[in-house]
Amino acid sequence: MDVNAAVAAAAAIAGLCTGVIAMLAFRWSERDQARPTRSSQRADLHAALPPGVDTVLSVLRSSAVVLDESDSVVKASSAAYALGLVRGGKLAVEPMLHMARDTRRDGEIRQVELDLPRRGTGRGEALAVSARVAPLGSRLVLLLVEDLTEARRIEAVRRDFVANVSHELKTPVGALSLLSEAVMDAADDPAAVTRFAGRMQIEATRLTNLVQELIDLSRVQNDDPLQDAEPVRVDELVAEAIDRSRHAASTKQITMAAGGAADLYLWGNRGQLAAALGNLVENAVNYSPARTRVGIAARRVAASGGDLIEIAVTDQGIGISEKDRERIFERFYRVDPARSRATGGTGLGLAIVKHVAASHGGEVTVWSSEGQGSTFTLRLPEAGAVRDRPSGGTGGRGHSRTGDGHRTAGAAMAAGFAGAATTTTDPNTEIPAPEVLP
């Protein structure tokens, strides 16, 4: 009996303990259920956004970030992550974070422009942004960030262009003013009047060329050359370019040689294509020493997006240094300013070539070696390739490239024409495979 009583007492005690533990577990479970989780807090914060704000933020072009009272990110657009504004659920830009806290404290709207380090580059490049902070309800703060990098770059290009144009126009205009005064003072000296009048004619020609090239550059930048496009024979373009520089070449006893494949056609604006190739040939003549040769060669090359027409212009000049090759397609940039003044160059010729190539869906490249010469190569889609393209524009291919790598076969052919002992100016003449410049 005593044993049975002991067993019964132990069982009662065990049951009591089990009941106590179960009750405590139930209480803890209720407390955990009542405690807000991180996901529920985030859902509450989303619910706290004013009606329609979530939809508006999703379609804004600006980078948008919404912060709560603890500076945690409630909502951020994909652009905000791309710019590196948000990392680990926090706003990663300290000046913007301070602005948000100040706005949360006093309710004032704040705006500032900042330069942020560009993610993924070690070249010290910066992003120019405009940040605007405003209160959003009683608990949230809205941050809108606009990327101004491209706008600033365009503005800098525009300022440089205006400054360069002003400088280039000032030189011949000032010279004409001084020369006219000299003519007036030398009215009794016919020889001096003749000399000064000749100088005035040179400056007037330079001014006319500058204005005309500014007009040409503006036209190729703004017009769509494929609106009034037509099939253009390459050999006719080459012949026209040679005729344009024939007088300058004969003055310096420079022989121009043309050759390559016949019956090649481009599809585009004939005037712009003629101006681009004419500028390349004219540059080759102007920057070549006397009694040398300039070669022009054309050929068809296969490409994945359609066949290309490659036109290479090679000279035997002094070549272009590596630092200058990086900038020769910039407007008003001159490799040799002294020679440009002597030849009447404006520094716009290669910029026009670059824009014509890009607007026709092609590219212009340069190969050069100091002491050996230079080769400029135009690569443009063949007539059929452009007409069959489903949409207009450059197709993402139009650009210019510089470098000192290997020349293409067309460029080597042009170099052979430049160095051949026998030359011709007939683009249709068949010429044997020539040797390449060393």
Protein backbone atom coordinates (compact mmCIF):
# COMPACT_ATOMS: atom_id res chain seq x y z
CA MET A 1 0.00 0.00 0.00
CA ASP A 2 2.83 2.37 0.91
CA VAL A 3 4.48 1.63 -2.40
CA ASN A 4 1.29 2.32 -4.31
CA ALA A 5 0.78 5.57 -2.46
CA ALA A 6 4.32 6.69 -3.29
CA VAL A 7 3.84 5.89 -6.96
CA ALA A 8 0.54 7.79 -7.01
CA ALA A 9 2.15 10.81 -5.37
CA ALA A 10 5.01 10.83 -7.90
CA ALA A 11 2.56 10.60 -10.77
CA ALA A 12 0.57 13.52 -9.39
CA ILE A 13 3.69 15.64 -9.05
CA ALA A 14 4.77 14.80 -12.62
CA GLY A 15 1.34 15.71 -13.97
CA LEU A 16 1.42 18.98 -12.12
CA CYS A 17 4.83 19.86 -13.58
CA THR A 18 3.69 18.95 -17.08
CA GLY A 19 0.67 21.19 -16.72
CA VAL A 20 2.79 24.11 -15.54
CA ILE A 21 5.24 23.69 -18.44
CA ALA A 22 2.40 23.48 -20.98
CA MET A 23 0.83 26.64 -19.58
CA LEU A 24 4.14 28.53 -19.75
CA ALA A 25 4.72 27.37 -23.32
CA PHE A 26 1.26 28.55 -24.27
CA ARG A 27 1.94 31.97 -22.74
CA TRP A 28 5.29 32.28 -24.54
CA SER A 29 3.62 31.34 -27.84
CA GLU A 30 1.00 34.03 -27.37
CA ARG A 31 3.71 36.60 -26.61
CA ASP A 32 5.71 35.63 -29.74
CA GLN A 33 2.61 35.90 -31.89
CA ALA A 34 1.86 39.34 -30.48
CA ARG A 35 5.45 40.57 -31.05
CA PRO A 36 5.82 42.33 -34.51
CA THR A 37 8.26 40.63 -36.90
CA ARG A 38 10.54 42.37 -39.39
CA SER A 39 8.34 41.36 -42.29
CA SER A 40 5.24 42.60 -40.53
CA GLN A 41 7.02 45.87 -39.73
CA ARG A 42 7.96 46.25 -43.40
CA ALA A 43 4.36 45.52 -44.41
CA ASP A 44 3.15 48.13 -41.94
CA LEU A 45 5.59 50.66 -43.37
CA HIS A 46 4.42 49.94 -46.91
CA ALA A 47 0.88 50.33 -45.71
CA ALA A 48 1.92 53.69 -44.20
CA LEU A 49 2.79 55.08 -47.66
CA PRO A 50 0.12 57.57 -48.74
CA PRO A 51 -2.28 56.18 -51.36
CA GLY A 52 -0.84 56.27 -54.89
CA VAL A 53 2.71 57.15 -53.82
CA ASP A 54 4.01 53.64 -54.47
CA THR A 55 2.68 53.75 -58.05
CA VAL A 56 4.04 57.25 -58.70
CA LEU A 57 7.52 56.36 -57.43
CA SER A 58 7.66 53.31 -59.67
CA VAL A 59 7.30 55.41 -62.85
CA LEU A 60 9.60 58.30 -61.91
CA ARG A 61 12.76 58.69 -63.97
CA SER A 62 14.57 59.99 -60.88
CA SER A 63 16.04 57.59 -58.34
CA ALA A 64 13.60 57.43 -55.41
CA VAL A 65 14.24 56.36 -51.82
CA VAL A 66 11.72 56.43 -48.91
CA LEU A 67 13.17 56.41 -45.36
CA ASP A 68 11.37 55.75 -42.07
CA GLU A 69 12.03 57.40 -38.70
CA SER A 70 14.94 55.03 -38.00
CA ASP A 71 16.60 55.84 -41.38
CA SER A 72 15.76 52.39 -42.73
CA VAL A 73 14.85 52.15 -46.42
CA VAL A 74 11.13 51.50 -46.83
CA LYS A 75 11.16 51.66 -50.62
CA ALA A 76 13.88 52.26 -53.22
CA SER A 77 13.74 52.24 -57.00
CA SER A 78 16.03 50.06 -59.09
CA ALA A 79 17.83 53.21 -60.28
CA ALA A 80 18.71 54.04 -56.67
CA TYR A 81 20.40 50.66 -56.31
CA ALA A 82 22.16 51.11 -59.66
CA LEU A 83 23.62 54.44 -58.52
CA GLY A 84 24.80 52.88 -55.27
CA LEU A 85 22.54 55.03 -53.09
CA VAL A 86 21.16 52.06 -51.11
CA ARG A 87 23.24 49.25 -49.61
CA GLY A 88 22.14 46.73 -47.01
CA GLY A 89 18.78 48.38 -46.51
CA LYS A 90 20.39 51.72 -45.59
CA LEU A 91 21.05 54.97 -47.40
CA ALA A 92 24.76 54.81 -48.25
CA VAL A 93 25.40 58.50 -49.02
CA GLU A 94 26.17 60.36 -45.79
CA PRO A 95 25.30 63.93 -46.99
CA MET A 96 21.89 62.72 -48.18
CA LEU A 97 21.32 60.94 -44.87
CA HIS A 98 22.02 64.16 -42.96
CA MET A 99 19.60 66.03 -45.24
CA ALA A 100 16.90 63.44 -44.56
CA ARG A 101 17.35 63.75 -40.80
CA ASP A 102 17.19 67.56 -40.95
CA THR A 103 14.04 67.42 -43.07
CA ARG A 104 12.43 64.92 -40.68
CA ARG A 105 13.18 67.28 -37.80
CA ASP A 106 11.90 70.57 -39.23
CA GLY A 107 9.80 69.54 -42.25
CA GLU A 108 11.75 71.78 -44.67
CA ILE A 109 12.38 70.70 -48.29
CA ARG A 110 16.09 70.64 -49.12
CA GLN A 111 18.02 70.35 -52.38
CA VAL A 112 21.73 70.02 -53.08
CA GLU A 113 24.06 68.98 -55.94
CA LEU A 114 26.74 66.43 -55.14
CA ASP A 115 29.58 64.57 -56.87
CA LEU A 116 29.49 60.88 -56.00
CA PRO A 117 32.22 58.32 -56.73
CA ARG A 118 31.30 56.07 -59.63
CA ARG A 119 30.93 52.44 -58.64
CA GLY A 120 33.12 49.83 -60.29
CA THR A 121 35.81 52.20 -61.61
CA GLY A 122 39.17 53.09 -60.18
CA ARG A 123 39.77 56.12 -62.37
CA GLY A 124 38.37 58.70 -59.99
CA GLU A 125 35.35 59.40 -62.17
CA ALA A 126 32.41 61.02 -60.39
CA LEU A 127 28.67 61.08 -60.86
CA ALA A 128 27.06 64.52 -60.72
CA VAL A 129 23.66 64.27 -59.03
CA SER A 130 20.97 66.58 -57.75
CA ALA A 131 19.31 65.38 -54.51
CA ARG A 132 15.97 66.69 -53.21
CA VAL A 133 14.52 65.67 -49.82
CA ALA A 134 10.92 66.27 -48.73
CA PRO A 135 8.70 65.00 -45.88
CA LEU A 136 6.21 62.28 -46.83
CA GLY A 137 3.52 62.13 -44.21
CA SER A 138 4.37 62.27 -40.51
CA ARG A 139 6.83 59.35 -40.35
CA LEU A 140 8.51 59.07 -43.75
CA VAL A 141 10.98 61.09 -45.80
CA LEU A 142 11.22 61.02 -49.62
CA LEU A 143 14.56 61.39 -51.40
CA LEU A 144 14.67 62.03 -55.17
CA VAL A 145 18.04 61.91 -56.96
CA GLU A 146 18.60 63.04 -60.56
CA ASP A 147 21.74 62.01 -62.49
CA LEU A 148 23.23 65.17 -64.04
CA THR A 149 26.44 63.60 -65.38
CA GLU A 150 25.45 63.51 -69.05
CA ALA A 151 23.85 66.96 -68.91
CA ARG A 152 27.05 68.42 -67.43
CA ARG A 153 29.17 66.70 -70.09
CA ILE A 154 27.00 68.11 -72.88
CA GLU A 155 27.12 71.55 -71.31
CA ALA A 156 30.92 71.38 -71.10
CA VAL A 157 31.11 70.35 -74.76
CA ARG A 158 28.82 73.23 -75.68
CA ARG A 159 30.94 75.73 -73.73
CA ASP A 160 34.13 74.47 -75.33
CA PHE A 161 32.57 74.62 -78.76
CA VAL A 162 31.40 78.22 -78.31
CA ALA A 163 34.81 79.22 -76.92
CA ASN A 164 36.62 77.55 -79.83
CA VAL A 165 34.33 79.11 -82.43
CA SER A 166 34.81 82.54 -80.88
CA HIS A 167 38.57 82.11 -80.93
CA GLU A 168 38.68 80.80 -84.49
CA LEU A 169 36.47 83.60 -85.78
CA LYS A 170 38.39 86.26 -83.88
CA THR A 171 41.68 85.46 -85.60
CA PRO A 172 40.73 86.15 -89.24
CA VAL A 173 38.35 88.97 -88.32
CA GLY A 174 41.09 90.70 -86.33
CA ALA A 175 43.56 90.19 -89.16
CA LEU A 176 41.13 91.70 -91.67
CA SER A 177 40.64 94.71 -89.43
CA LEU A 178 44.38 95.34 -89.09
CA LEU A 179 45.03 94.78 -92.80
CA SER A 180 42.27 97.21 -93.78
CA GLU A 181 43.89 99.87 -91.59
CA ALA A 182 47.24 99.10 -93.19
CA VAL A 183 45.74 99.53 -96.66
CA MET A 184 44.30 102.91 -95.68
CA ASP A 185 47.66 104.07 -94.29
CA ALA A 186 49.50 102.86 -97.41
CA ALA A 187 47.17 104.51 -99.91
CA ASP A 188 50.13 106.22 -101.62
CA ASP A 189 52.15 102.99 -101.89
CA PRO A 190 50.65 100.71 -104.60
CA ALA A 191 53.03 97.85 -103.81
CA ALA A 192 52.05 97.85 -100.14
CA VAL A 193 48.37 98.05 -101.02
CA THR A 194 48.75 95.03 -103.31
CA ARG A 195 50.60 93.08 -100.61
CA PHE A 196 48.05 93.88 -97.90
CA ALA A 197 45.14 93.16 -100.23
CA GLY A 198 46.59 89.72 -100.94
CA ARG A 199 46.79 89.00 -97.22
CA MET A 200 43.20 90.20 -96.81
CA GLN A 201 42.10 87.76 -99.49
CA ILE A 202 43.81 84.89 -97.67
CA GLU A 203 42.15 85.78 -94.36
CA ALA A 204 38.78 86.21 -96.04
CA THR A 205 39.13 82.77 -97.62
CA ARG A 206 40.02 81.27 -94.23
CA LEU A 207 36.98 82.92 -92.66
CA THR A 208 34.74 81.66 -95.46
CA ASN A 209 36.05 78.12 -95.07
CA LEU A 210 35.50 78.22 -91.31
CA VAL A 211 31.91 79.40 -91.63
CA GLN A 212 31.19 76.81 -94.31
CA GLU A 213 32.61 73.96 -92.23
CA LEU A 214 30.59 75.11 -89.21
CA ILE A 215 27.49 74.95 -91.40
CA ASP A 216 28.50 71.50 -92.69
CA LEU A 217 29.13 70.20 -89.17
CA SER A 218 25.78 71.51 -87.95
CA ARG A 219 24.04 69.91 -90.93
CA VAL A 220 25.56 66.45 -90.49
CA GLN A 221 24.79 66.52 -86.76
CA ASN A 222 21.14 67.48 -87.16
CA ASP A 223 20.02 65.98 -90.46
CA ASP A 224 19.09 62.38 -91.16
CA PRO A 225 21.16 61.48 -94.24
CA LEU A 226 18.96 58.48 -95.05
CA GLN A 227 15.81 60.55 -95.59
CA ASP A 228 16.98 61.61 -99.04
CA ALA A 229 19.36 58.72 -99.58
CA GLU A 230 20.37 57.36 -102.96
CA PRO A 231 22.83 54.77 -104.27
CA VAL A 232 26.23 56.39 -104.63
CA ARG A 233 29.07 54.92 -106.68
CA VAL A 234 32.27 54.72 -104.66
CA ASP A 235 34.55 55.32 -107.65
CA GLU A 236 32.69 58.57 -108.37
CA LEU A 237 33.26 59.70 -104.77
CA VAL A 238 36.95 58.87 -105.08
CA ALA A 239 37.28 60.75 -108.38
CA GLU A 240 35.51 63.78 -106.89
CA ALA A 241 37.80 63.74 -103.83
CA ILE A 242 40.87 63.59 -106.06
CA ASP A 243 39.65 66.49 -108.21
CA ARG A 244 39.04 68.54 -105.07
CA SER A 245 42.68 68.22 -103.99
CA ARG A 246 44.31 68.05 -107.43
CA HIS A 247 45.58 71.64 -107.42
CA ALA A 248 47.07 71.41 -103.90
CA ALA A 249 48.67 68.07 -104.78
CA SER A 250 50.23 69.37 -108.02
CA THR A 251 51.61 72.41 -106.19
CA LYS A 252 53.48 70.07 -103.82
CA GLN A 253 54.22 67.52 -106.59
CA ILE A 254 52.21 64.88 -104.73
CA THR A 255 50.96 61.99 -106.82
CA MET A 256 47.48 60.64 -106.01
CA ALA A 257 46.78 56.98 -106.78
CA ALA A 258 43.35 55.35 -106.73
CA GLY A 259 42.32 51.76 -107.20
CA GLY A 260 40.63 48.74 -105.68
CA ALA A 261 37.38 47.00 -106.46
CA ALA A 262 34.99 48.53 -109.02
CA ASP A 263 31.19 48.77 -109.04
CA LEU A 264 30.85 49.42 -105.31
CA TYR A 265 27.83 51.35 -104.04
CA LEU A 266 26.94 53.11 -100.82
CA TRP A 267 23.42 54.11 -99.78
CA GLY A 268 23.28 57.58 -98.30
CA ASN A 269 23.55 61.31 -98.80
CA ARG A 270 25.89 61.90 -101.71
CA GLY A 271 26.93 65.37 -100.58
CA GLN A 272 27.85 64.24 -97.06
CA LEU A 273 29.74 61.17 -98.28
CA ALA A 274 31.67 63.26 -100.81
CA ALA A 275 32.53 65.82 -98.12
CA ALA A 276 33.78 63.10 -95.73
CA LEU A 277 36.03 61.38 -98.26
CA GLY A 278 37.14 64.75 -99.66
CA ASN A 279 38.22 65.86 -96.17
CA LEU A 280 40.31 62.71 -95.71
CA VAL A 281 42.07 63.14 -99.07
CA GLU A 282 42.56 66.86 -98.49
CA ASN A 283 44.12 66.20 -95.08
CA ALA A 284 46.40 63.55 -96.59
CA VAL A 285 47.64 66.06 -99.19
CA ASN A 286 47.99 68.98 -96.77
CA TYR A 287 49.96 66.99 -94.20
CA SER A 288 52.21 65.14 -96.65
CA PRO A 289 55.71 66.30 -97.60
CA ALA A 290 56.37 67.36 -101.18
CA ARG A 291 57.04 64.72 -103.84
CA THR A 292 55.27 61.91 -101.98
CA ARG A 293 52.18 59.84 -102.83
CA VAL A 294 48.65 59.54 -101.47
CA GLY A 295 46.73 56.32 -102.07
CA ILE A 296 42.95 55.74 -102.05
CA ALA A 297 41.64 52.18 -102.17
CA ALA A 298 38.12 50.70 -101.90
CA ARG A 299 36.95 47.16 -101.36
CA ARG A 300 34.02 45.09 -100.06
CA VAL A 301 34.42 43.24 -96.75
CA ALA A 302 32.08 40.68 -95.23
CA ALA A 303 30.49 41.43 -91.86
CA SER A 304 27.87 39.75 -89.69
CA GLY A 305 25.34 42.57 -90.15
CA GLY A 306 25.86 42.84 -93.91
CA ASP A 307 28.72 43.62 -96.26
CA LEU A 308 30.72 46.79 -95.67
CA ILE A 309 32.50 49.09 -98.09
CA GLU A 310 35.97 50.02 -96.87
CA ILE A 311 37.67 53.12 -98.28
CA ALA A 312 41.25 53.69 -97.09
CA VAL A 313 43.28 56.89 -97.59
CA THR A 314 47.02 56.52 -96.96
CA ASP A 315 49.76 59.14 -96.97
CA GLN A 316 53.53 59.08 -96.51
CA GLY A 317 53.64 61.93 -94.04
CA ILE A 318 55.32 62.22 -90.66
CA GLY A 319 52.58 60.25 -88.92
CA ILE A 320 50.55 61.02 -85.80
CA SER A 321 51.78 60.51 -82.26
CA GLU A 322 49.83 58.26 -79.90
CA LYS A 323 48.63 61.13 -77.70
CA ASP A 324 47.33 63.01 -80.74
CA ARG A 325 45.57 59.93 -82.15
CA GLU A 326 43.27 59.97 -79.13
CA ARG A 327 41.98 63.44 -79.99
CA ILE A 328 42.18 63.98 -83.73
CA PHE A 329 38.41 63.54 -84.22
CA GLU A 330 37.62 66.30 -81.72
CA ARG A 331 36.31 69.56 -83.11
CA PHE A 332 39.00 72.24 -83.59
CA TYR A 333 41.80 69.90 -82.49
CA ARG A 334 44.93 70.23 -84.63
CA VAL A 335 47.93 67.93 -84.59
CA ASP A 336 50.17 70.70 -85.95
CA PRO A 337 48.64 74.16 -85.36
CA ALA A 338 51.42 75.89 -87.31
CA ARG A 339 50.80 73.78 -90.40
CA SER A 340 47.03 74.23 -90.03
CA ARG A 341 47.49 77.99 -90.14
CA ALA A 342 49.67 77.64 -93.22
CA THR A 343 47.17 75.41 -95.02
CA GLY A 344 44.05 77.22 -93.81
CA GLY A 345 42.86 74.23 -91.80
CA THR A 346 39.98 74.78 -89.36
CA GLY A 347 40.24 71.64 -87.22
CA LEU A 348 36.69 70.59 -88.18
CA GLY A 349 37.39 68.27 -91.11
CA LEU A 350 37.83 65.04 -89.16
CA ALA A 351 34.91 65.88 -86.85
CA ILE A 352 32.71 66.11 -89.95
CA VAL A 353 34.07 62.75 -91.18
CA LYS A 354 33.23 61.14 -87.82
CA HIS A 355 29.65 62.40 -87.81
CA VAL A 356 29.04 61.44 -91.43
CA ALA A 357 30.30 57.92 -90.76
CA ALA A 358 28.16 57.56 -87.64
CA SER A 359 24.99 58.90 -89.28
CA HIS A 360 25.43 56.42 -92.14
CA GLY A 361 25.84 53.47 -89.76
CA GLY A 362 29.60 53.13 -90.14
CA GLU A 363 32.86 54.18 -88.55
CA VAL A 364 36.17 55.89 -89.28
CA THR A 365 39.44 54.52 -87.93
CA VAL A 366 43.05 55.64 -88.07
CA TRP A 367 46.33 53.76 -88.20
CA SER A 368 49.51 55.78 -87.92
CA SER A 369 53.18 55.32 -87.23
CA GLU A 370 55.48 58.25 -86.72
CA GLY A 371 57.89 58.56 -89.61
CA GLN A 372 55.89 56.18 -91.83
CA GLY A 373 52.58 57.87 -92.50
CA SER A 374 48.91 57.48 -91.67
CA THR A 375 45.92 55.54 -92.97
CA PHE A 376 42.35 56.74 -92.40
CA THR A 377 39.70 54.14 -93.19
CA LEU A 378 35.99 54.70 -93.72
CA ARG A 379 33.82 51.61 -93.21
CA LEU A 380 30.23 52.07 -94.33
CA PRO A 381 27.40 49.60 -95.02
CA GLU A 382 26.93 48.62 -98.65
CA ALA A 383 23.87 50.02 -100.42
CA GLY A 384 21.78 46.87 -100.07
CA ALA A 385 22.71 46.40 -96.41
CA VAL A 386 21.41 49.85 -95.48
CA ARG A 387 18.20 49.62 -97.51
CA ASP A 388 17.35 46.20 -96.03
CA ARG A 389 17.88 47.39 -92.44
CA PRO A 390 14.49 47.35 -90.63
CA SER A 391 14.94 50.63 -88.74
CA GLY A 392 16.89 53.82 -89.26
CA GLY A 393 19.81 55.19 -87.27
CA THR A 394 23.32 53.98 -86.92
CA GLY A 395 22.45 50.57 -85.55
CA GLY A 396 24.82 51.14 -82.67
CA ARG A 397 27.84 50.81 -84.93
CA GLY A 398 28.62 54.39 -85.87
CA HIS A 399 31.72 55.71 -84.12
CA SER A 400 35.36 56.55 -84.62
CA ARG A 401 38.35 54.60 -83.43
CA THR A 402 42.01 55.36 -83.08
CA GLY A 403 44.95 53.08 -82.60
CA ASP A 404 48.22 51.79 -83.91
CA GLY A 405 47.16 48.21 -84.59
CA HIS A 406 47.37 46.33 -87.89
CA ARG A 407 45.84 47.88 -90.96
CA THR A 408 43.18 46.09 -92.93
CA ALA A 409 43.77 44.71 -96.40
CA GLY A 410 42.10 47.78 -97.92
CA ALA A 411 44.43 50.08 -95.99
CA ALA A 412 47.42 48.00 -97.03
CA MET A 413 46.26 48.25 -100.63
CA ALA A 414 46.00 52.04 -100.32
CA ALA A 415 49.48 52.12 -98.82
CA GLY A 416 50.69 50.13 -101.79
CA PHE A 417 49.14 52.64 -104.16
CA ALA A 418 50.83 55.43 -102.20
CA GLY A 419 54.22 53.74 -102.50
CA ALA A 420 53.90 52.30 -105.99
CA ALA A 421 56.26 53.48 -108.68
CA THR A 422 53.44 53.79 -111.23
CA THR A 423 50.22 55.51 -110.19
CA THR A 424 46.95 56.50 -111.72
CA THR A 425 44.03 58.73 -110.81
CA ASP A 426 41.43 56.54 -112.52
CA PRO A 427 39.49 54.68 -109.81
CA ASN A 428 38.49 51.93 -112.25
CA THR A 429 42.02 51.04 -113.27
CA GLU A 430 43.15 47.60 -112.14
CA ILE A 431 46.43 47.76 -110.23
CA PRO A 432 48.48 44.69 -109.24
CA ALA A 433 48.82 43.79 -105.59
CA PRO A 434 51.12 46.48 -104.22
CA GLU A 435 53.73 46.36 -101.52
CA VAL A 436 52.89 47.69 -98.07
CA LEU A 437 54.69 50.61 -96.53
CA PRO A 438 57.38 49.39 -94.09
